[in-house]
Amino acid sequence: MAASLICSETVSRVSSVLNRDGRQFGKKHMFDSNEETCWHSDQGSPQWVLLEFPQPVRVSELKVQFQGGFTGNTCRLEGCLKDEEFKKLTDFYPEDNSSLQTFPIQGSPLAHKFKIVFENSTDFFGRIIVYSLDVLGART
């Protein structure tokens, strides 16, 4: 049974924050379980979210809730072990809506770090808005 891998020791980083206003639009809002807060990127493509776990994990699925109109069109998941270079694991293609979307990850890759890259956006300016993000799988 896959469980959420996000914990208090998970380190997250993002490519940008709208107007550098981390208090209102920062990365922490993707994980706070509050449906009224979000991470809102600044403009430009690509945008990304990087997650570093305290130990290697096997990811089996991603769950993402975007704001319709600010959705990643073409996305990819990259992963690596501690001090290695990121490698592309899979591509995924979200629908442009505000519902929670689930993306199965084939092969349950093992990695310390995962990077979700939003290569482009449904927004003309390349902005991404994520209300919730979860990574499911197993700890090793």
Protein backbone atom coordinates (compact mmCIF):
# COMPACT_ATOMS: atom_id res chain seq x y z
CA MET A 1 0.00 0.00 0.00
CA ALA A 2 1.47 3.33 -1.08
CA ALA A 3 1.63 6.05 1.56
CA SER A 4 2.56 9.72 1.45
CA LEU A 5 6.33 10.19 1.47
CA ILE A 6 6.19 13.89 2.39
CA CYS A 7 7.29 14.34 6.00
CA SER A 8 8.70 17.09 8.23
CA GLU A 9 12.24 16.12 7.13
CA THR A 10 11.46 16.45 3.40
CA VAL A 11 13.26 19.47 1.96
CA SER A 12 11.48 21.29 -0.86
CA ARG A 13 12.59 24.00 -3.27
CA VAL A 14 10.83 25.73 -6.15
CA SER A 15 12.02 27.57 -9.23
CA SER A 16 10.28 30.85 -8.35
CA VAL A 17 7.54 32.49 -6.29
CA LEU A 18 5.20 35.21 -7.57
CA ASN A 19 6.66 38.62 -6.64
CA ARG A 20 9.02 36.77 -4.25
CA ASP A 21 6.12 36.71 -1.78
CA GLY A 22 6.84 33.42 -0.02
CA ARG A 23 4.50 34.22 2.84
CA GLN A 24 1.46 34.39 0.56
CA PHE A 25 2.50 32.14 -2.38
CA GLY A 26 5.39 30.02 -1.07
CA LYS A 27 6.17 26.34 -1.51
CA LYS A 28 4.91 25.39 1.97
CA HIS A 29 1.34 25.96 0.78
CA MET A 30 1.47 22.87 -1.47
CA PHE A 31 1.75 20.69 1.66
CA ASP A 32 -0.44 22.49 4.23
CA SER A 33 -3.75 20.71 3.41
CA ASN A 34 -5.46 24.10 3.12
CA GLU A 35 -7.53 24.33 -0.06
CA GLU A 36 -7.30 28.12 -0.06
CA THR A 37 -3.49 28.41 -0.19
CA CYS A 38 -1.13 27.60 -3.06
CA TRP A 39 2.34 27.84 -4.51
CA HIS A 40 2.20 30.42 -7.28
CA SER A 41 5.26 30.60 -9.52
CA ASP A 42 6.48 33.73 -11.18
CA GLN A 43 6.37 33.89 -14.98
CA GLY A 44 8.69 31.99 -17.31
CA SER A 45 9.26 28.40 -18.38
CA PRO A 46 10.25 25.93 -17.21
CA GLN A 47 9.12 25.98 -13.59
CA TRP A 48 9.96 23.17 -11.15
CA VAL A 49 9.55 21.68 -7.68
CA LEU A 50 12.42 19.75 -6.09
CA LEU A 51 11.86 17.33 -3.20
CA GLU A 52 14.72 15.84 -1.19
CA PHE A 53 13.86 12.97 1.13
CA PRO A 54 15.87 12.00 4.26
CA GLN A 55 16.43 8.49 2.87
CA PRO A 56 15.95 6.79 -0.52
CA VAL A 57 12.29 6.27 -1.44
CA ARG A 58 10.39 4.43 -4.18
CA VAL A 59 7.77 6.65 -5.82
CA SER A 60 4.67 4.97 -7.22
CA GLU A 61 2.45 8.00 -7.92
CA LEU A 62 2.18 11.77 -7.91
CA LYS A 63 -0.94 13.67 -6.89
CA VAL A 64 -1.20 17.28 -8.02
CA GLN A 65 -3.97 19.86 -7.86
CA PHE A 66 -3.44 22.86 -10.13
CA GLN A 67 -5.57 25.93 -10.67
CA GLY A 68 -7.21 25.63 -14.06
CA GLY A 69 -5.57 28.03 -16.52
CA PHE A 70 -2.23 27.73 -14.67
CA THR A 71 -1.53 24.04 -15.27
CA GLY A 72 1.64 22.39 -16.47
CA ASN A 73 1.09 21.19 -20.06
CA THR A 74 4.08 18.95 -20.55
CA CYS A 75 5.69 17.75 -17.33
CA ARG A 76 8.42 15.34 -16.40
CA LEU A 77 9.65 13.62 -13.28
CA GLU A 78 13.39 13.39 -12.73
CA GLY A 79 15.17 11.57 -9.92
CA CYS A 80 18.61 10.80 -8.51
CA LEU A 81 20.40 9.28 -5.56
CA LYS A 82 22.29 11.49 -3.10
CA ASP A 83 25.16 12.99 -5.11
CA GLU A 84 24.25 11.92 -8.63
CA GLU A 85 22.90 13.88 -11.59
CA PHE A 86 19.15 13.97 -12.21
CA LYS A 87 17.81 11.52 -14.80
CA LYS A 88 14.45 11.69 -16.55
CA LEU A 89 12.11 9.02 -15.18
CA THR A 90 8.85 9.75 -16.99
CA ASP A 91 6.72 12.36 -18.75
CA PHE A 92 3.15 13.16 -17.70
CA TYR A 93 0.46 15.38 -19.14
CA PRO A 94 -2.00 17.01 -16.72
CA GLU A 95 -5.45 18.17 -17.80
CA ASP A 96 -6.12 21.90 -17.58
CA ASN A 97 -8.55 21.88 -14.65
CA SER A 98 -8.69 22.38 -10.89
CA SER A 99 -9.31 18.76 -9.85
CA LEU A 100 -6.83 16.57 -7.98
CA GLN A 101 -4.99 14.54 -10.62
CA THR A 102 -3.09 11.28 -10.07
CA PHE A 103 -0.15 10.13 -12.18
CA PRO A 104 1.14 6.57 -11.71
CA ILE A 105 4.92 6.23 -11.94
CA GLN A 106 5.95 2.99 -13.65
CA GLY A 107 8.70 0.92 -12.07
CA SER A 108 8.66 2.74 -8.70
CA PRO A 109 12.11 4.32 -9.16
CA LEU A 110 14.45 4.58 -6.17
CA ALA A 111 15.89 8.04 -5.41
CA HIS A 112 16.76 10.58 -2.69
CA LYS A 113 15.69 13.56 -4.76
CA PHE A 114 12.88 14.08 -7.22
CA LYS A 115 12.34 17.07 -9.47
CA ILE A 116 8.98 17.77 -11.07
CA VAL A 117 9.57 19.95 -14.11
CA PHE A 118 6.71 21.92 -15.68
CA GLU A 119 8.20 22.45 -19.14
CA ASN A 120 5.41 24.80 -20.16
CA SER A 121 2.08 26.06 -18.86
CA THR A 122 -1.46 26.65 -20.03
CA ASP A 123 -0.88 30.23 -18.86
CA PHE A 124 0.48 32.52 -21.60
CA PHE A 125 3.19 33.83 -19.22
CA GLY A 126 4.32 30.39 -18.02
CA ARG A 127 2.98 30.70 -14.48
CA ILE A 128 2.07 27.55 -12.50
CA ILE A 129 -0.32 27.40 -9.53
CA VAL A 130 -0.32 24.27 -7.35
CA TYR A 131 -2.80 23.92 -4.47
CA SER A 132 -1.60 20.50 -3.36
CA LEU A 133 1.22 18.12 -4.15
CA ASP A 134 1.76 14.66 -2.73
CA VAL A 135 4.21 11.91 -3.55
CA LEU A 136 3.14 8.37 -2.75
CA GLY A 137 5.30 5.28 -2.50
CA ALA A 138 7.44 3.38 -0.01
CA ARG A 139 10.44 4.21 2.14
CA THR A 140 13.38 1.83 1.82
